Amino acid sequence: MELADKAVGFVLSSLSLSIFVYYTFWVIILPFVDEDHFVHKYFLPQEYAILIPVAAGVALLSLLCVFIGYVMLKSKKKRA
């Protein structure tokens, strides 16, 4: 079990690091690269650099609110 936990941790850390590097390059470095450079074909348009994190945040907050509401309703039923 310990080896599986280490493997999952390594995969999640690698995924997080790769997403961080990709997003950082996309938002900070790419605006200074010429528009006709080949590297632009590997990235989405700049509008998505804000749209994707905002949508992910709204989805996360929505799921968190639904979970808290579910737990509150479930605990209310246990008392009754």
Protein backbone atom coordinates (compact mmCIF):
# COMPACT_ATOMS: atom_id res chain seq x y z
CA MET A 1 0.00 0.00 0.00
CA GLU A 2 2.82 2.40 0.77
CA LEU A 3 4.30 1.97 -2.71
CA ALA A 4 0.93 2.70 -4.30
CA ASP A 5 0.58 5.86 -2.22
CA LYS A 6 4.02 7.01 -3.32
CA ALA A 7 3.18 6.30 -6.96
CA VAL A 8 -0.09 8.24 -6.75
CA GLY A 9 1.70 11.10 -5.01
CA PHE A 10 4.38 11.16 -7.69
CA VAL A 11 1.82 11.17 -10.49
CA LEU A 12 -0.22 13.96 -8.87
CA SER A 13 2.91 16.02 -8.19
CA SER A 14 4.13 15.55 -11.76
CA LEU A 15 0.72 16.49 -13.15
CA SER A 16 0.52 19.59 -10.96
CA LEU A 17 4.03 20.68 -11.89
CA SER A 18 3.40 20.21 -15.61
CA ILE A 19 0.12 22.19 -15.44
CA PHE A 20 1.88 24.96 -13.50
CA VAL A 21 4.74 25.18 -16.01
CA TYR A 22 2.34 25.12 -18.99
CA TYR A 23 0.08 27.82 -17.52
CA THR A 24 3.01 30.00 -16.43
CA PHE A 25 4.56 29.84 -19.89
CA TRP A 26 1.18 30.49 -21.50
CA VAL A 27 0.34 33.55 -19.38
CA ILE A 28 3.71 35.16 -18.66
CA ILE A 29 6.09 34.30 -21.50
CA LEU A 30 3.87 33.73 -24.54
CA PRO A 31 2.64 37.35 -24.87
CA PHE A 32 6.25 38.40 -25.55
CA VAL A 33 6.71 35.85 -28.35
CA ASP A 34 5.91 36.89 -31.94
CA GLU A 35 2.42 35.96 -33.16
CA ASP A 36 3.74 33.96 -36.13
CA HIS A 37 6.12 31.81 -34.05
CA PHE A 38 5.42 28.05 -34.19
CA VAL A 39 5.03 27.77 -30.42
CA HIS A 40 1.66 29.55 -30.53
CA LYS A 41 -0.02 26.52 -32.10
CA TYR A 42 0.47 24.57 -28.83
CA PHE A 43 -1.54 27.03 -26.74
CA LEU A 44 -5.14 28.21 -26.62
CA PRO A 45 -6.00 31.88 -27.19
CA GLN A 46 -5.20 34.24 -24.30
CA GLU A 47 -8.88 34.73 -23.38
CA TYR A 48 -8.98 31.17 -22.09
CA ALA A 49 -6.14 31.90 -19.66
CA ILE A 50 -8.71 33.70 -17.48
CA LEU A 51 -11.85 31.85 -18.53
CA ILE A 52 -10.66 28.33 -17.62
CA PRO A 53 -9.54 29.09 -14.02
CA VAL A 54 -12.69 31.13 -13.38
CA ALA A 55 -14.91 28.31 -14.66
CA ALA A 56 -12.97 25.77 -12.58
CA GLY A 57 -13.34 27.97 -9.50
CA VAL A 58 -17.07 28.39 -10.00
CA ALA A 59 -17.47 24.64 -10.48
CA LEU A 60 -15.42 23.91 -7.36
CA LEU A 61 -17.40 26.37 -5.24
CA SER A 62 -20.68 24.98 -6.58
CA LEU A 63 -19.68 21.41 -5.74
CA LEU A 64 -18.52 22.52 -2.30
CA CYS A 65 -21.84 24.25 -1.62
CA VAL A 66 -23.81 21.21 -2.79
CA PHE A 67 -21.70 18.93 -0.57
CA ILE A 68 -22.16 21.17 2.49
CA GLY A 69 -25.90 21.35 1.85
CA TYR A 70 -26.09 17.58 1.52
CA VAL A 71 -24.21 17.05 4.78
CA MET A 72 -26.41 19.57 6.57
CA LEU A 73 -29.60 17.90 5.32
CA LYS A 74 -28.30 14.47 6.23
CA SER A 75 -27.35 15.54 9.75
CA LYS A 76 -30.76 17.21 10.18
CA LYS A 77 -32.50 13.92 9.30
CA LYS A 78 -30.40 12.02 11.88
CA ARG A 79 -31.55 14.33 14.68
CA ALA A 80 -35.24 13.94 13.84
